[in-house]
């Protein structure tokens, strides 16, 4: 739920609030890829993207794609989010 609040804050243009939510969620889920968990890894990457750590976000998005290379539709969603 917290990631949704962070993303919604970005969409409404409140980047400070988005970063606050992202940092709170990061305390729960961490900031590393989650082995064998595609969507959690994508969430961790989203958090990095929101926080402005684009290099780290790219690496984590890449890890998510590597976990499920056959999930082409999911990868398109990542591309649309910035991965």
C-alpha atoms as a PDB file:
ATOM      1  CA  UNK A   1       0.000   0.000   0.000  1.00  0.00           C
ATOM      2  CA  UNK A   2       2.846   2.399   0.787  1.00  0.00           C
ATOM      3  CA  UNK A   3       4.316   2.111  -2.698  1.00  0.00           C
ATOM      4  CA  UNK A   4       0.920   3.100  -4.103  1.00  0.00           C
ATOM      5  CA  UNK A   5       0.877   6.205  -1.892  1.00  0.00           C
ATOM      6  CA  UNK A   6       4.387   7.073  -3.063  1.00  0.00           C
ATOM      7  CA  UNK A   7       3.523   6.654  -6.743  1.00  0.00           C
ATOM      8  CA  UNK A   8       0.271   8.591  -6.345  1.00  0.00           C
ATOM      9  CA  UNK A   9       2.190  11.411  -4.691  1.00  0.00           C
ATOM     10  CA  UNK A  10       4.528  11.519  -7.692  1.00  0.00           C
ATOM     11  CA  UNK A  11       1.542  11.683 -10.041  1.00  0.00           C
ATOM     12  CA  UNK A  12       0.128  14.600  -8.044  1.00  0.00           C
ATOM     13  CA  UNK A  13       3.493  16.343  -8.192  1.00  0.00           C
ATOM     14  CA  UNK A  14       4.321  16.114  -4.492  1.00  0.00           C
ATOM     15  CA  UNK A  15       7.831  14.686  -4.773  1.00  0.00           C
ATOM     16  CA  UNK A  16       8.730  15.461  -1.161  1.00  0.00           C
ATOM     17  CA  UNK A  17       5.786  13.401   0.089  1.00  0.00           C
ATOM     18  CA  UNK A  18       6.577  10.669  -2.437  1.00  0.00           C
ATOM     19  CA  UNK A  19      10.154  10.426  -1.144  1.00  0.00           C
ATOM     20  CA  UNK A  20       8.890  10.312   2.430  1.00  0.00           C
ATOM     21  CA  UNK A  21       6.604   7.376   1.587  1.00  0.00           C
ATOM     22  CA  UNK A  22       9.369   5.684  -0.414  1.00  0.00           C
ATOM     23  CA  UNK A  23      11.791   5.917   2.497  1.00  0.00           C
ATOM     24  CA  UNK A  24       9.178   4.499   4.898  1.00  0.00           C
ATOM     25  CA  UNK A  25       8.453   1.561   2.592  1.00  0.00           C
ATOM     26  CA  UNK A  26      12.166   0.987   2.028  1.00  0.00           C
ATOM     27  CA  UNK A  27      12.584   0.493   5.797  1.00  0.00           C
ATOM     28  CA  UNK A  28      10.172  -2.440   5.486  1.00  0.00           C
ATOM     29  CA  UNK A  29      11.271  -4.050   2.211  1.00  0.00           C
ATOM     30  CA  UNK A  30      14.917  -2.995   2.029  1.00  0.00           C
ATOM     31  CA  UNK A  31      16.856  -1.773  -0.978  1.00  0.00           C
ATOM     32  CA  UNK A  32      18.114  -4.978  -2.581  1.00  0.00           C
ATOM     33  CA  UNK A  33      16.559  -7.326  -5.139  1.00  0.00           C
ATOM     34  CA  UNK A  34      14.477 -10.092  -3.551  1.00  0.00           C
ATOM     35  CA  UNK A  35      15.557 -13.487  -4.913  1.00  0.00           C
ATOM     36  CA  UNK A  36      12.726 -15.281  -6.705  1.00  0.00           C
ATOM     37  CA  UNK A  37      10.262 -12.445  -6.041  1.00  0.00           C
ATOM     38  CA  UNK A  38       9.740 -10.504  -9.260  1.00  0.00           C
ATOM     39  CA  UNK A  39       7.134  -8.028  -8.013  1.00  0.00           C
ATOM     40  CA  UNK A  40       8.865  -7.263  -4.717  1.00  0.00           C
ATOM     41  CA  UNK A  41      12.080  -6.630  -6.626  1.00  0.00           C
ATOM     42  CA  UNK A  42      10.212  -4.334  -9.022  1.00  0.00           C
ATOM     43  CA  UNK A  43       8.760  -2.528  -5.995  1.00  0.00           C
ATOM     44  CA  UNK A  44      12.240  -2.043  -4.527  1.00  0.00           C
ATOM     45  CA  UNK A  45      13.326  -0.625  -7.893  1.00  0.00           C
ATOM     46  CA  UNK A  46      10.340   1.732  -7.918  1.00  0.00           C
ATOM     47  CA  UNK A  47      11.383   3.033  -4.517  1.00  0.00           C
ATOM     48  CA  UNK A  48      14.857   3.819  -5.818  1.00  0.00           C
ATOM     49  CA  UNK A  49      13.365   5.547  -8.840  1.00  0.00           C
ATOM     50  CA  UNK A  50      11.156   7.724  -6.640  1.00  0.00           C
ATOM     51  CA  UNK A  51      14.115   8.553  -4.400  1.00  0.00           C
ATOM     52  CA  UNK A  52      16.084   9.663  -7.472  1.00  0.00           C
ATOM     53  CA  UNK A  53      18.714   6.914  -7.407  1.00  0.00           C
ATOM     54  CA  UNK A  54      18.362   6.125 -11.106  1.00  0.00           C
ATOM     55  CA  UNK A  55      21.460   3.951 -11.441  1.00  0.00           C
ATOM     56  CA  UNK A  56      20.379   1.724  -8.555  1.00  0.00           C
ATOM     57  CA  UNK A  57      16.799   1.618  -9.853  1.00  0.00           C
ATOM     58  CA  UNK A  58      18.049   0.468 -13.267  1.00  0.00           C
ATOM     59  CA  UNK A  59      20.155  -2.305 -11.744  1.00  0.00           C
ATOM     60  CA  UNK A  60      17.263  -3.545  -9.627  1.00  0.00           C
ATOM     61  CA  UNK A  61      14.803  -3.372 -12.542  1.00  0.00           C
ATOM     62  CA  UNK A  62      17.326  -5.424 -14.540  1.00  0.00           C
ATOM     63  CA  UNK A  63      17.400  -7.973 -11.715  1.00  0.00           C
ATOM     64  CA  UNK A  64      13.603  -8.199 -11.795  1.00  0.00           C
ATOM     65  CA  UNK A  65      13.603  -8.810 -15.550  1.00  0.00           C
ATOM     66  CA  UNK A  66      16.297 -11.481 -15.149  1.00  0.00           C
ATOM     67  CA  UNK A  67      14.060 -13.311 -12.643  1.00  0.00           C
ATOM     68  CA  UNK A  68      11.227 -13.675 -15.120  1.00  0.00           C
ATOM     69  CA  UNK A  69      12.564 -13.218 -18.657  1.00  0.00           C
ATOM     70  CA  UNK A  70       9.441 -14.789 -20.146  1.00  0.00           C
ATOM     71  CA  UNK A  71       7.091 -12.254 -18.494  1.00  0.00           C
ATOM     72  CA  UNK A  72       7.125  -9.838 -21.432  1.00  0.00           C
ATOM     73  CA  UNK A  73       3.881  -8.082 -20.430  1.00  0.00           C
ATOM     74  CA  UNK A  74       5.269  -7.351 -16.973  1.00  0.00           C
ATOM     75  CA  UNK A  75       8.456  -5.967 -18.497  1.00  0.00           C
ATOM     76  CA  UNK A  76       6.402  -3.570 -20.582  1.00  0.00           C
ATOM     77  CA  UNK A  77       4.847  -2.311 -17.341  1.00  0.00           C
ATOM     78  CA  UNK A  78       8.334  -1.767 -15.924  1.00  0.00           C
ATOM     79  CA  UNK A  79       9.324   0.147 -19.059  1.00  0.00           C
ATOM     80  CA  UNK A  80       6.301   2.424 -18.672  1.00  0.00           C
ATOM     81  CA  UNK A  81       7.217   3.088 -15.021  1.00  0.00           C
ATOM     82  CA  UNK A  82      10.764   4.021 -15.903  1.00  0.00           C
ATOM     83  CA  UNK A  83      12.670   0.751 -15.636  1.00  0.00           C
END
